Amino acid sequence: MTDQIELSLFAALIFISVELLRIPVGAQFIHLGNALVVVAVLLYGARRAALVAAIGLGLFDMINGYAAVVWITVLEALVVCYLLHVIYEKLLKSVDKPMIIVAIGLLAAAAKLVMNLVKYSLIAYFGAQLPLSVALWAALGKIGGSLGTALVTVIAVPLLYPVFKQLRQAVKKKEASNRLG
């Protein structure tokens, strides 16, 4: 039950970070949501993080008028979680040395940027029926907020992960002492 509460709180934290701690950049905004998804993978594993990300980011989209594209947001988060599952959990065996955490933040940010570039290119190509080269240039013009969020992810993951890791360890230690005493 404690894990469910902790995961619920983390999903709420993702939602709140995007809802309240965002910086507008044109039609988009910079936020901590993607960084917190990466931290969730590092703390809870990719499967649980995927659930937390889907709830936190999906709820934000549903409440804020992005219901038509909530599936894309969730899909992108699931792809990032799966990528980190393969690289961090399987290949690197979840070793959380500082340089690995920095690299994981970079990898997640790059993956999200590439997915946004592909998404906006496809929208311009199929939706506006632009030639592919023009669609790519149009997509580059739309990823300002994504670039900012990627930068926030690269910076925030190595800063937030140790804090949340220590907090989680302290909570687990307190729970264990409460069970014993």
C-alpha atoms as a PDB file:
ATOM      1  CA  MET A   1       0.000   0.000   0.000  1.00  0.00           C
ATOM      2  CA  THR A   2       2.851   2.375   0.813  1.00  0.00           C
ATOM      3  CA  ASP A   3       4.279   1.961  -2.690  1.00  0.00           C
ATOM      4  CA  GLN A   4       0.911   2.850  -4.207  1.00  0.00           C
ATOM      5  CA  ILE A   5       0.732   6.004  -2.105  1.00  0.00           C
ATOM      6  CA  GLU A   6       4.298   6.946  -3.019  1.00  0.00           C
ATOM      7  CA  LEU A   7       3.638   6.384  -6.731  1.00  0.00           C
ATOM      8  CA  SER A   8       0.406   8.379  -6.522  1.00  0.00           C
ATOM      9  CA  LEU A   9       2.243  11.263  -4.884  1.00  0.00           C
ATOM     10  CA  PHE A  10       4.919  11.170  -7.571  1.00  0.00           C
ATOM     11  CA  ALA A  11       2.277  11.240 -10.326  1.00  0.00           C
ATOM     12  CA  ALA A  12       0.728  14.239  -8.559  1.00  0.00           C
ATOM     13  CA  LEU A  13       4.159  15.879  -8.374  1.00  0.00           C
ATOM     14  CA  ILE A  14       4.600  15.464 -12.136  1.00  0.00           C
ATOM     15  CA  PHE A  15       1.171  16.990 -12.735  1.00  0.00           C
ATOM     16  CA  ILE A  16       1.798  19.903 -10.352  1.00  0.00           C
ATOM     17  CA  SER A  17       5.254  20.595 -11.791  1.00  0.00           C
ATOM     18  CA  VAL A  18       3.818  20.969 -15.291  1.00  0.00           C
ATOM     19  CA  GLU A  19       0.685  22.796 -14.150  1.00  0.00           C
ATOM     20  CA  LEU A  20       2.278  25.329 -11.818  1.00  0.00           C
ATOM     21  CA  LEU A  21       6.002  25.470 -12.563  1.00  0.00           C
ATOM     22  CA  ARG A  22       5.999  26.140 -16.284  1.00  0.00           C
ATOM     23  CA  ILE A  23       7.644  28.907 -18.254  1.00  0.00           C
ATOM     24  CA  PRO A  24       5.767  29.977 -21.421  1.00  0.00           C
ATOM     25  CA  VAL A  25       7.783  29.961 -24.663  1.00  0.00           C
ATOM     26  CA  GLY A  26       5.452  31.015 -27.462  1.00  0.00           C
ATOM     27  CA  ALA A  27       2.646  28.485 -27.743  1.00  0.00           C
ATOM     28  CA  GLN A  28       4.689  25.941 -25.754  1.00  0.00           C
ATOM     29  CA  PHE A  29       6.255  25.993 -22.307  1.00  0.00           C
ATOM     30  CA  ILE A  30       9.277  24.724 -20.424  1.00  0.00           C
ATOM     31  CA  HIS A  31       8.552  22.399 -17.493  1.00  0.00           C
ATOM     32  CA  LEU A  32      10.013  19.830 -15.085  1.00  0.00           C
ATOM     33  CA  GLY A  33       7.621  17.013 -16.019  1.00  0.00           C
ATOM     34  CA  ASN A  34      10.002  15.136 -18.307  1.00  0.00           C
ATOM     35  CA  ALA A  35      12.835  15.392 -15.770  1.00  0.00           C
ATOM     36  CA  LEU A  36      10.559  13.942 -13.097  1.00  0.00           C
ATOM     37  CA  VAL A  37       9.634  11.063 -15.406  1.00  0.00           C
ATOM     38  CA  VAL A  38      13.346  10.233 -15.688  1.00  0.00           C
ATOM     39  CA  VAL A  39      13.756  10.499 -11.910  1.00  0.00           C
ATOM     40  CA  ALA A  40      10.774   8.150 -11.533  1.00  0.00           C
ATOM     41  CA  VAL A  41      12.514   5.580 -13.765  1.00  0.00           C
ATOM     42  CA  LEU A  42      15.660   5.860 -11.652  1.00  0.00           C
ATOM     43  CA  LEU A  43      13.718   5.495  -8.387  1.00  0.00           C
ATOM     44  CA  TYR A  44      10.939   3.037  -9.195  1.00  0.00           C
ATOM     45  CA  GLY A  45      11.958   1.294 -12.408  1.00  0.00           C
ATOM     46  CA  ALA A  46      10.621   1.813 -15.904  1.00  0.00           C
ATOM     47  CA  ARG A  47       7.317  -0.037 -15.469  1.00  0.00           C
ATOM     48  CA  ARG A  48       6.159   1.907 -12.451  1.00  0.00           C
ATOM     49  CA  ALA A  49       7.560   5.131 -13.891  1.00  0.00           C
ATOM     50  CA  ALA A  50       5.552   4.562 -17.071  1.00  0.00           C
ATOM     51  CA  LEU A  51       2.381   4.382 -14.976  1.00  0.00           C
ATOM     52  CA  VAL A  52       3.343   7.474 -12.968  1.00  0.00           C
ATOM     53  CA  ALA A  53       4.205   9.386 -16.170  1.00  0.00           C
ATOM     54  CA  ALA A  54       0.990   8.376 -17.926  1.00  0.00           C
ATOM     55  CA  ILE A  55      -1.101   9.537 -14.973  1.00  0.00           C
ATOM     56  CA  GLY A  56       0.776  12.774 -14.229  1.00  0.00           C
ATOM     57  CA  LEU A  57       1.317  13.978 -17.795  1.00  0.00           C
ATOM     58  CA  GLY A  58      -1.964  12.527 -19.072  1.00  0.00           C
ATOM     59  CA  LEU A  59      -3.973  14.240 -16.358  1.00  0.00           C
ATOM     60  CA  PHE A  60      -2.315  17.560 -17.172  1.00  0.00           C
ATOM     61  CA  ASP A  61      -3.218  17.194 -20.854  1.00  0.00           C
ATOM     62  CA  MET A  62      -6.805  16.175 -20.081  1.00  0.00           C
ATOM     63  CA  ILE A  63      -7.432  19.096 -17.734  1.00  0.00           C
ATOM     64  CA  ASN A  64      -5.689  21.767 -19.815  1.00  0.00           C
ATOM     65  CA  GLY A  65      -7.335  21.348 -23.204  1.00  0.00           C
ATOM     66  CA  TYR A  66      -4.905  18.886 -24.761  1.00  0.00           C
ATOM     67  CA  ALA A  67      -7.235  15.870 -24.590  1.00  0.00           C
ATOM     68  CA  ALA A  68      -6.975  15.281 -28.349  1.00  0.00           C
ATOM     69  CA  VAL A  69      -3.222  14.717 -28.058  1.00  0.00           C
ATOM     70  CA  VAL A  70      -3.012  13.080 -24.633  1.00  0.00           C
ATOM     71  CA  TRP A  71      -2.280   9.759 -26.334  1.00  0.00           C
ATOM     72  CA  ILE A  72       0.810  11.274 -27.986  1.00  0.00           C
ATOM     73  CA  THR A  73       2.063  12.640 -24.657  1.00  0.00           C
ATOM     74  CA  VAL A  74       1.580   9.271 -22.984  1.00  0.00           C
ATOM     75  CA  LEU A  75       3.157   7.413 -25.915  1.00  0.00           C
ATOM     76  CA  GLU A  76       6.228   9.676 -25.809  1.00  0.00           C
ATOM     77  CA  ALA A  77       6.572   9.111 -22.052  1.00  0.00           C
ATOM     78  CA  LEU A  78       6.253   5.347 -22.539  1.00  0.00           C
ATOM     79  CA  VAL A  79       8.948   5.410 -25.231  1.00  0.00           C
ATOM     80  CA  VAL A  80      11.298   7.310 -22.901  1.00  0.00           C
ATOM     81  CA  CYS A  81      10.566   4.856 -20.071  1.00  0.00           C
ATOM     82  CA  TYR A  82      11.177   1.879 -22.353  1.00  0.00           C
ATOM     83  CA  LEU A  83      14.407   3.384 -23.691  1.00  0.00           C
ATOM     84  CA  LEU A  84      15.647   3.953 -20.142  1.00  0.00           C
ATOM     85  CA  HIS A  85      14.550   0.431 -19.225  1.00  0.00           C
ATOM     86  CA  VAL A  86      16.739  -1.003 -21.977  1.00  0.00           C
ATOM     87  CA  ILE A  87      19.729   1.303 -21.438  1.00  0.00           C
ATOM     88  CA  TYR A  88      19.716   1.987 -17.692  1.00  0.00           C
ATOM     89  CA  GLU A  89      18.096  -1.101 -16.213  1.00  0.00           C
ATOM     90  CA  LYS A  90      19.226  -3.813 -18.616  1.00  0.00           C
ATOM     91  CA  LEU A  91      22.485  -2.562 -20.125  1.00  0.00           C
ATOM     92  CA  LEU A  92      23.839  -0.527 -17.195  1.00  0.00           C
ATOM     93  CA  LYS A  93      22.242  -2.720 -14.481  1.00  0.00           C
ATOM     94  CA  SER A  94      20.743   0.339 -12.726  1.00  0.00           C
ATOM     95  CA  VAL A  95      24.137   1.596 -11.548  1.00  0.00           C
ATOM     96  CA  ASP A  96      23.481   5.122 -10.332  1.00  0.00           C
ATOM     97  CA  LYS A  97      26.910   6.716 -10.473  1.00  0.00           C
ATOM     98  CA  PRO A  98      26.730  10.482 -11.061  1.00  0.00           C
ATOM     99  CA  MET A  99      28.081  10.374 -14.635  1.00  0.00           C
ATOM    100  CA  ILE A 100      25.590   7.660 -15.560  1.00  0.00           C
ATOM    101  CA  ILE A 101      22.734   9.748 -14.153  1.00  0.00           C
ATOM    102  CA  VAL A 102      23.916  12.738 -16.213  1.00  0.00           C
ATOM    103  CA  ALA A 103      24.102  10.514 -19.313  1.00  0.00           C
ATOM    104  CA  ILE A 104      20.608   9.146 -18.654  1.00  0.00           C
ATOM    105  CA  GLY A 105      19.234  12.695 -18.390  1.00  0.00           C
ATOM    106  CA  LEU A 106      20.946  13.581 -21.675  1.00  0.00           C
ATOM    107  CA  LEU A 107      19.627  10.444 -23.367  1.00  0.00           C
ATOM    108  CA  ALA A 108      16.056  11.080 -22.220  1.00  0.00           C
ATOM    109  CA  ALA A 109      16.217  14.731 -23.305  1.00  0.00           C
ATOM    110  CA  ALA A 110      17.612  13.800 -26.731  1.00  0.00           C
ATOM    111  CA  ALA A 111      14.976  11.087 -27.208  1.00  0.00           C
ATOM    112  CA  LYS A 112      12.177  13.510 -26.362  1.00  0.00           C
ATOM    113  CA  LEU A 113      13.592  16.130 -28.754  1.00  0.00           C
ATOM    114  CA  VAL A 114      13.823  13.612 -31.594  1.00  0.00           C
ATOM    115  CA  MET A 115      10.254  12.428 -30.942  1.00  0.00           C
ATOM    116  CA  ASN A 116       8.969  16.024 -30.986  1.00  0.00           C
ATOM    117  CA  LEU A 117      10.862  16.769 -34.176  1.00  0.00           C
ATOM    118  CA  VAL A 118       9.360  13.682 -35.831  1.00  0.00           C
ATOM    119  CA  LYS A 119       5.881  14.495 -34.477  1.00  0.00           C
ATOM    120  CA  TYR A 120       5.875  18.081 -35.739  1.00  0.00           C
ATOM    121  CA  SER A 121       7.421  17.049 -39.071  1.00  0.00           C
ATOM    122  CA  LEU A 122       4.678  14.470 -39.620  1.00  0.00           C
ATOM    123  CA  ILE A 123       1.971  16.951 -38.657  1.00  0.00           C
ATOM    124  CA  ALA A 124       3.346  19.496 -41.145  1.00  0.00           C
ATOM    125  CA  TYR A 125       3.892  16.851 -43.834  1.00  0.00           C
ATOM    126  CA  PHE A 126       0.508  15.138 -43.591  1.00  0.00           C
ATOM    127  CA  GLY A 127      -1.612  17.878 -42.016  1.00  0.00           C
ATOM    128  CA  ALA A 128      -0.391  20.874 -43.996  1.00  0.00           C
ATOM    129  CA  GLN A 129       0.818  18.733 -46.922  1.00  0.00           C
ATOM    130  CA  LEU A 130       4.179  20.462 -46.977  1.00  0.00           C
ATOM    131  CA  PRO A 131       7.155  18.908 -48.755  1.00  0.00           C
ATOM    132  CA  LEU A 132       9.223  16.840 -46.313  1.00  0.00           C
ATOM    133  CA  SER A 133      12.162  19.267 -46.245  1.00  0.00           C
ATOM    134  CA  VAL A 134       9.827  22.195 -45.539  1.00  0.00           C
ATOM    135  CA  ALA A 135       7.968  20.134 -42.924  1.00  0.00           C
ATOM    136  CA  LEU A 136      11.270  19.462 -41.160  1.00  0.00           C
ATOM    137  CA  TRP A 137      12.128  23.178 -41.099  1.00  0.00           C
ATOM    138  CA  ALA A 138       8.636  23.964 -39.820  1.00  0.00           C
ATOM    139  CA  ALA A 139       9.116  21.374 -37.078  1.00  0.00           C
ATOM    140  CA  LEU A 140      12.425  22.945 -36.070  1.00  0.00           C
ATOM    141  CA  GLY A 141      10.573  26.221 -35.580  1.00  0.00           C
ATOM    142  CA  LYS A 142       8.044  24.584 -33.255  1.00  0.00           C
ATOM    143  CA  ILE A 143      10.360  22.914 -30.764  1.00  0.00           C
ATOM    144  CA  GLY A 144      11.426  25.974 -28.746  1.00  0.00           C
ATOM    145  CA  GLY A 145       9.641  24.793 -25.618  1.00  0.00           C
ATOM    146  CA  SER A 146      10.916  21.277 -26.217  1.00  0.00           C
ATOM    147  CA  LEU A 147      14.505  22.546 -26.364  1.00  0.00           C
ATOM    148  CA  GLY A 148      14.030  24.387 -23.079  1.00  0.00           C
ATOM    149  CA  THR A 149      12.416  21.380 -21.428  1.00  0.00           C
ATOM    150  CA  ALA A 150      15.252  19.170 -22.707  1.00  0.00           C
ATOM    151  CA  LEU A 151      17.790  21.528 -21.154  1.00  0.00           C
ATOM    152  CA  VAL A 152      15.831  21.513 -17.883  1.00  0.00           C
ATOM    153  CA  THR A 153      15.830  17.695 -17.993  1.00  0.00           C
ATOM    154  CA  VAL A 154      19.603  17.528 -18.493  1.00  0.00           C
ATOM    155  CA  ILE A 155      20.183  19.896 -15.563  1.00  0.00           C
ATOM    156  CA  ALA A 156      17.410  18.743 -13.209  1.00  0.00           C
ATOM    157  CA  VAL A 157      17.827  14.954 -13.347  1.00  0.00           C
ATOM    158  CA  PRO A 158      21.303  14.858 -11.743  1.00  0.00           C
ATOM    159  CA  LEU A 159      20.196  17.459  -9.181  1.00  0.00           C
ATOM    160  CA  LEU A 160      16.807  15.966  -8.253  1.00  0.00           C
ATOM    161  CA  TYR A 161      17.621  12.252  -8.297  1.00  0.00           C
ATOM    162  CA  PRO A 162      19.974  12.247  -5.272  1.00  0.00           C
ATOM    163  CA  VAL A 163      17.486  14.337  -3.284  1.00  0.00           C
ATOM    164  CA  PHE A 164      14.552  12.033  -4.054  1.00  0.00           C
ATOM    165  CA  LYS A 165      16.718   8.946  -3.527  1.00  0.00           C
ATOM    166  CA  GLN A 166      17.737  10.109  -0.032  1.00  0.00           C
ATOM    167  CA  LEU A 167      14.166  11.101   0.782  1.00  0.00           C
ATOM    168  CA  ARG A 168      12.911   7.695  -0.320  1.00  0.00           C
ATOM    169  CA  GLN A 169      15.587   5.914   1.735  1.00  0.00           C
ATOM    170  CA  ALA A 170      14.670   7.977   4.815  1.00  0.00           C
ATOM    171  CA  VAL A 171      10.988   7.111   4.412  1.00  0.00           C
ATOM    172  CA  LYS A 172      11.793   3.398   3.999  1.00  0.00           C
ATOM    173  CA  LYS A 173      14.023   3.502   7.090  1.00  0.00           C
ATOM    174  CA  LYS A 174      11.294   5.194   9.131  1.00  0.00           C
ATOM    175  CA  GLU A 175       8.719   2.642   7.940  1.00  0.00           C
ATOM    176  CA  ALA A 176      11.023  -0.200   8.958  1.00  0.00           C
ATOM    177  CA  SER A 177      11.591   1.284  12.423  1.00  0.00           C
ATOM    178  CA  ASN A 178       7.833   1.833  12.855  1.00  0.00           C
ATOM    179  CA  ARG A 179       7.181  -1.822  12.043  1.00  0.00           C
ATOM    180  CA  LEU A 180       9.755  -2.947  14.605  1.00  0.00           C
ATOM    181  CA  GLY A 181       8.852  -0.598  17.398  1.00  0.00           C
END
